[in-house]
Amino acid sequence: MAHQFRKAFPSDASRIWEILQQAIFKRKKEGSNQWQDGYPNPEVIKKDISKEIGYILITNNEIIGYCAVDINNEPAYQKIEGAWQTNGDFVVFHRVAIAKEYIGKGLASTMFKCIEHYALENTINSIKADTNFDNAPMLYLFKKLGYRYCGQVHIRNSPRKAYEKVLNLKQ
């Protein structure tokens, strides 16, 4: 399967929202309170796209995944209860979601690899992210892909587990 990872366009917003709604429902079904407070929503997607930080994963000409990817832009990470591995520039990603019919096919891992490539293209060796304490699939991915648990941060007044992966810029 050939994959394309690119910035989202306004015309992609309805499919992105469809994928995020599936993820919101999945989190609820799993008993999580993550994403059960009206976030994310179509306005968040619109902002991501206008700030050029919304990215989509495409397979066979179909949008099958979404995430927001930014550089040095997560104020909550300045107040970590713990310690980051690095203190320089970092790539941060949020709102990772894969279309329900593609879950379990390794595509979230593919998206993580695309984010790593994005970081290296920008000569940044640190990727930071966070997730809810009960998001088992994301916690599994962090462990599987070599992210290190660094401590706790608070996003929208909710505690989150914070992770970092340090890349080798000479790859």
C-alpha atoms as a PDB file:
ATOM      1  CA  MET A   1       0.000   0.000   0.000  1.00  0.00           C
ATOM      2  CA  ALA A   2       1.413   3.355  -1.014  1.00  0.00           C
ATOM      3  CA  HIS A   3       0.758   6.140   1.450  1.00  0.00           C
ATOM      4  CA  GLN A   4       0.824   9.878   1.083  1.00  0.00           C
ATOM      5  CA  PHE A   5       1.128  12.239   4.069  1.00  0.00           C
ATOM      6  CA  ARG A   6       0.333  15.841   3.276  1.00  0.00           C
ATOM      7  CA  LYS A   7      -1.110  19.057   4.617  1.00  0.00           C
ATOM      8  CA  ALA A   8      -4.886  19.055   4.722  1.00  0.00           C
ATOM      9  CA  PHE A   9      -6.893  21.422   2.548  1.00  0.00           C
ATOM     10  CA  PRO A  10     -10.255  23.002   3.424  1.00  0.00           C
ATOM     11  CA  SER A  11     -11.884  20.558   1.000  1.00  0.00           C
ATOM     12  CA  ASP A  12     -10.632  17.677   3.220  1.00  0.00           C
ATOM     13  CA  ALA A  13     -12.395  18.960   6.361  1.00  0.00           C
ATOM     14  CA  SER A  14     -15.623  16.953   6.102  1.00  0.00           C
ATOM     15  CA  ARG A  15     -13.757  13.632   5.732  1.00  0.00           C
ATOM     16  CA  ILE A  16     -11.411  14.603   8.586  1.00  0.00           C
ATOM     17  CA  TRP A  17     -14.413  15.361  10.809  1.00  0.00           C
ATOM     18  CA  GLU A  18     -15.971  12.004   9.863  1.00  0.00           C
ATOM     19  CA  ILE A  19     -12.765  10.214  10.944  1.00  0.00           C
ATOM     20  CA  LEU A  20     -12.529  12.209  14.179  1.00  0.00           C
ATOM     21  CA  GLN A  21     -16.181  11.478  15.007  1.00  0.00           C
ATOM     22  CA  GLN A  22     -15.442   7.755  14.621  1.00  0.00           C
ATOM     23  CA  ALA A  23     -12.484   8.145  17.009  1.00  0.00           C
ATOM     24  CA  ILE A  24     -14.585  10.144  19.502  1.00  0.00           C
ATOM     25  CA  PHE A  25     -17.214   7.383  19.463  1.00  0.00           C
ATOM     26  CA  LYS A  26     -14.534   4.689  19.837  1.00  0.00           C
ATOM     27  CA  ARG A  27     -13.045   6.464  22.884  1.00  0.00           C
ATOM     28  CA  LYS A  28     -16.541   6.694  24.430  1.00  0.00           C
ATOM     29  CA  LYS A  29     -17.260   3.009  23.729  1.00  0.00           C
ATOM     30  CA  GLU A  30     -13.976   2.119  25.436  1.00  0.00           C
ATOM     31  CA  GLY A  31     -15.148   4.021  28.530  1.00  0.00           C
ATOM     32  CA  SER A  32     -12.727   6.928  28.163  1.00  0.00           C
ATOM     33  CA  ASN A  33     -13.476  10.546  29.000  1.00  0.00           C
ATOM     34  CA  GLN A  34     -10.922  11.650  26.377  1.00  0.00           C
ATOM     35  CA  TRP A  35     -12.541  13.653  23.566  1.00  0.00           C
ATOM     36  CA  GLN A  36     -15.934  13.524  25.293  1.00  0.00           C
ATOM     37  CA  ASP A  37     -16.111  17.261  26.034  1.00  0.00           C
ATOM     38  CA  GLY A  38     -16.899  18.695  22.604  1.00  0.00           C
ATOM     39  CA  TYR A  39     -13.242  18.603  21.550  1.00  0.00           C
ATOM     40  CA  PRO A  40     -12.086  18.069  18.894  1.00  0.00           C
ATOM     41  CA  ASN A  41     -14.765  19.638  16.716  1.00  0.00           C
ATOM     42  CA  PRO A  42     -15.114  21.046  13.186  1.00  0.00           C
ATOM     43  CA  GLU A  43     -13.836  24.453  14.341  1.00  0.00           C
ATOM     44  CA  VAL A  44     -10.605  22.846  15.625  1.00  0.00           C
ATOM     45  CA  ILE A  45     -10.097  21.156  12.240  1.00  0.00           C
ATOM     46  CA  LYS A  46     -10.728  24.459  10.449  1.00  0.00           C
ATOM     47  CA  LYS A  47      -8.092  26.167  12.654  1.00  0.00           C
ATOM     48  CA  ASP A  48      -5.594  23.341  12.091  1.00  0.00           C
ATOM     49  CA  ILE A  49      -6.019  23.678   8.331  1.00  0.00           C
ATOM     50  CA  SER A  50      -5.810  27.481   8.319  1.00  0.00           C
ATOM     51  CA  LYS A  51      -2.642  27.349  10.475  1.00  0.00           C
ATOM     52  CA  GLU A  52      -1.287  24.688   8.064  1.00  0.00           C
ATOM     53  CA  ILE A  53      -0.756  22.140  10.840  1.00  0.00           C
ATOM     54  CA  GLY A  54      -3.495  19.665   9.826  1.00  0.00           C
ATOM     55  CA  TYR A  55      -2.104  16.599   8.063  1.00  0.00           C
ATOM     56  CA  ILE A  56      -3.832  13.682   6.404  1.00  0.00           C
ATOM     57  CA  LEU A  57      -2.738  10.157   5.595  1.00  0.00           C
ATOM     58  CA  ILE A  58      -3.980   8.986   2.205  1.00  0.00           C
ATOM     59  CA  THR A  59      -4.105   5.401   0.961  1.00  0.00           C
ATOM     60  CA  ASN A  60      -5.467   4.456  -2.473  1.00  0.00           C
ATOM     61  CA  ASN A  61      -6.626   8.061  -3.007  1.00  0.00           C
ATOM     62  CA  GLU A  62      -8.715   7.930   0.185  1.00  0.00           C
ATOM     63  CA  ILE A  63      -8.159   9.996   3.326  1.00  0.00           C
ATOM     64  CA  ILE A  64      -7.785   7.389   6.058  1.00  0.00           C
ATOM     65  CA  GLY A  65      -6.054   9.291   8.864  1.00  0.00           C
ATOM     66  CA  TYR A  66      -5.611  12.695  10.446  1.00  0.00           C
ATOM     67  CA  CYS A  67      -3.358  14.467  12.907  1.00  0.00           C
ATOM     68  CA  ALA A  68      -2.181  17.960  13.748  1.00  0.00           C
ATOM     69  CA  VAL A  69       1.604  18.440  13.556  1.00  0.00           C
ATOM     70  CA  ASP A  70       3.311  21.587  14.800  1.00  0.00           C
ATOM     71  CA  ILE A  71       6.754  22.813  15.823  1.00  0.00           C
ATOM     72  CA  ASN A  72       7.500  24.173  19.327  1.00  0.00           C
ATOM     73  CA  ASN A  73       3.849  24.986  19.904  1.00  0.00           C
ATOM     74  CA  GLU A  74       2.459  23.342  23.017  1.00  0.00           C
ATOM     75  CA  PRO A  75       2.508  25.723  25.998  1.00  0.00           C
ATOM     76  CA  ALA A  76       1.383  22.952  28.388  1.00  0.00           C
ATOM     77  CA  TYR A  77       4.687  21.158  27.792  1.00  0.00           C
ATOM     78  CA  GLN A  78       6.583  23.909  29.620  1.00  0.00           C
ATOM     79  CA  LYS A  79       4.987  22.741  32.888  1.00  0.00           C
ATOM     80  CA  ILE A  80       5.755  19.025  32.846  1.00  0.00           C
ATOM     81  CA  GLU A  81       5.642  17.105  36.111  1.00  0.00           C
ATOM     82  CA  GLY A  82       8.771  15.146  35.275  1.00  0.00           C
ATOM     83  CA  ALA A  83      11.439  15.999  32.703  1.00  0.00           C
ATOM     84  CA  TRP A  84      11.770  15.962  28.946  1.00  0.00           C
ATOM     85  CA  GLN A  85      14.814  14.232  27.439  1.00  0.00           C
ATOM     86  CA  THR A  86      15.676  17.337  25.393  1.00  0.00           C
ATOM     87  CA  ASN A  87      15.018  21.061  25.732  1.00  0.00           C
ATOM     88  CA  GLY A  88      15.498  22.273  22.153  1.00  0.00           C
ATOM     89  CA  ASP A  89      13.151  22.478  19.193  1.00  0.00           C
ATOM     90  CA  PHE A  90      10.493  19.779  19.003  1.00  0.00           C
ATOM     91  CA  VAL A  91       7.726  18.526  16.779  1.00  0.00           C
ATOM     92  CA  VAL A  92       4.432  17.974  18.585  1.00  0.00           C
ATOM     93  CA  PHE A  93       1.418  16.069  17.310  1.00  0.00           C
ATOM     94  CA  HIS A  94      -2.188  15.916  18.464  1.00  0.00           C
ATOM     95  CA  ARG A  95      -5.570  14.548  17.378  1.00  0.00           C
ATOM     96  CA  VAL A  96      -4.335  11.301  15.844  1.00  0.00           C
ATOM     97  CA  ALA A  97      -7.198   9.368  14.288  1.00  0.00           C
ATOM     98  CA  ILE A  98      -7.496   6.553  11.751  1.00  0.00           C
ATOM     99  CA  ALA A  99     -10.734   5.765   9.891  1.00  0.00           C
ATOM    100  CA  LYS A 100     -12.553   2.895  11.611  1.00  0.00           C
ATOM    101  CA  GLU A 101     -12.347   0.577   8.596  1.00  0.00           C
ATOM    102  CA  TYR A 102      -8.529   0.893   8.660  1.00  0.00           C
ATOM    103  CA  ILE A 103      -7.899   0.402  12.395  1.00  0.00           C
ATOM    104  CA  GLY A 104      -5.598  -2.513  13.214  1.00  0.00           C
ATOM    105  CA  LYS A 105      -3.688  -2.364   9.919  1.00  0.00           C
ATOM    106  CA  GLY A 106      -0.610  -0.554  11.274  1.00  0.00           C
ATOM    107  CA  LEU A 107      -1.574   2.798   9.790  1.00  0.00           C
ATOM    108  CA  ALA A 108      -1.182   4.801  13.007  1.00  0.00           C
ATOM    109  CA  SER A 109       2.420   3.499  13.059  1.00  0.00           C
ATOM    110  CA  THR A 110       2.740   4.623   9.434  1.00  0.00           C
ATOM    111  CA  MET A 111       1.518   8.077  10.449  1.00  0.00           C
ATOM    112  CA  PHE A 112       4.035   8.211  13.318  1.00  0.00           C
ATOM    113  CA  LYS A 113       6.811   7.356  10.829  1.00  0.00           C
ATOM    114  CA  CYS A 114       5.615  10.178   8.559  1.00  0.00           C
ATOM    115  CA  ILE A 115       5.784  12.562  11.535  1.00  0.00           C
ATOM    116  CA  GLU A 116       9.354  11.387  12.238  1.00  0.00           C
ATOM    117  CA  HIS A 117      10.237  12.068   8.600  1.00  0.00           C
ATOM    118  CA  TYR A 118       8.677  15.545   8.913  1.00  0.00           C
ATOM    119  CA  ALA A 119      10.821  16.227  12.009  1.00  0.00           C
ATOM    120  CA  LEU A 120      14.008  15.101  10.274  1.00  0.00           C
ATOM    121  CA  GLU A 121      13.177  17.203   7.187  1.00  0.00           C
ATOM    122  CA  ASN A 122      13.030  20.187   9.544  1.00  0.00           C
ATOM    123  CA  THR A 123      16.301  19.113  11.277  1.00  0.00           C
ATOM    124  CA  ILE A 124      14.484  18.570  14.560  1.00  0.00           C
ATOM    125  CA  ASN A 125      15.407  15.501  16.586  1.00  0.00           C
ATOM    126  CA  SER A 126      12.670  15.589  19.241  1.00  0.00           C
ATOM    127  CA  ILE A 127       9.047  14.538  18.923  1.00  0.00           C
ATOM    128  CA  LYS A 128       6.776  15.154  21.898  1.00  0.00           C
ATOM    129  CA  ALA A 129       3.196  14.047  22.405  1.00  0.00           C
ATOM    130  CA  ASP A 130       0.709  13.241  25.113  1.00  0.00           C
ATOM    131  CA  THR A 131      -2.314  11.046  25.605  1.00  0.00           C
ATOM    132  CA  ASN A 132      -4.994  10.214  28.109  1.00  0.00           C
ATOM    133  CA  PHE A 133      -4.083   7.723  30.844  1.00  0.00           C
ATOM    134  CA  ASP A 134      -6.665   5.243  29.529  1.00  0.00           C
ATOM    135  CA  ASN A 135      -5.858   5.434  25.799  1.00  0.00           C
ATOM    136  CA  ALA A 136      -4.442   1.915  25.550  1.00  0.00           C
ATOM    137  CA  PRO A 137      -3.915   1.914  21.753  1.00  0.00           C
ATOM    138  CA  MET A 138      -1.868   5.143  21.880  1.00  0.00           C
ATOM    139  CA  LEU A 139       0.092   4.028  24.958  1.00  0.00           C
ATOM    140  CA  TYR A 140       0.917   0.803  23.099  1.00  0.00           C
ATOM    141  CA  LEU A 141       2.078   2.753  20.026  1.00  0.00           C
ATOM    142  CA  PHE A 142       4.330   5.003  22.093  1.00  0.00           C
ATOM    143  CA  LYS A 143       6.005   1.953  23.658  1.00  0.00           C
ATOM    144  CA  LYS A 144       6.232   0.026  20.365  1.00  0.00           C
ATOM    145  CA  LEU A 145       7.778   2.958  18.480  1.00  0.00           C
ATOM    146  CA  GLY A 146      10.407   3.915  21.052  1.00  0.00           C
ATOM    147  CA  TYR A 147       8.817   6.890  22.802  1.00  0.00           C
ATOM    148  CA  ARG A 148       9.934   7.415  26.391  1.00  0.00           C
ATOM    149  CA  TYR A 149       7.526   8.353  29.173  1.00  0.00           C
ATOM    150  CA  CYS A 150       8.668  11.715  30.577  1.00  0.00           C
ATOM    151  CA  GLY A 151       5.956  12.695  33.058  1.00  0.00           C
ATOM    152  CA  GLN A 152       2.576  14.338  33.228  1.00  0.00           C
ATOM    153  CA  VAL A 153       1.204  17.473  31.586  1.00  0.00           C
ATOM    154  CA  HIS A 154      -2.223  19.089  31.786  1.00  0.00           C
ATOM    155  CA  ILE A 155      -4.192  19.722  28.595  1.00  0.00           C
ATOM    156  CA  ARG A 156      -7.543  21.494  28.921  1.00  0.00           C
ATOM    157  CA  ASN A 157      -7.440  20.908  32.717  1.00  0.00           C
ATOM    158  CA  SER A 158      -6.968  17.169  32.298  1.00  0.00           C
ATOM    159  CA  PRO A 159      -3.825  15.173  33.196  1.00  0.00           C
ATOM    160  CA  ARG A 160      -2.054  13.496  30.303  1.00  0.00           C
ATOM    161  CA  LYS A 161       0.891  11.138  30.004  1.00  0.00           C
ATOM    162  CA  ALA A 162       3.703  12.906  28.142  1.00  0.00           C
ATOM    163  CA  TYR A 163       6.142  11.118  25.838  1.00  0.00           C
ATOM    164  CA  GLU A 164       9.194  12.032  23.805  1.00  0.00           C
ATOM    165  CA  LYS A 165      11.169  10.300  21.094  1.00  0.00           C
ATOM    166  CA  VAL A 166      14.663  11.523  20.262  1.00  0.00           C
ATOM    167  CA  LEU A 167      15.639  10.902  16.647  1.00  0.00           C
ATOM    168  CA  ASN A 168      19.077  10.550  15.104  1.00  0.00           C
ATOM    169  CA  LEU A 169      19.465  13.479  12.720  1.00  0.00           C
ATOM    170  CA  LYS A 170      22.153  11.599  10.753  1.00  0.00           C
ATOM    171  CA  GLN A 171      19.675   9.017   9.394  1.00  0.00           C
END
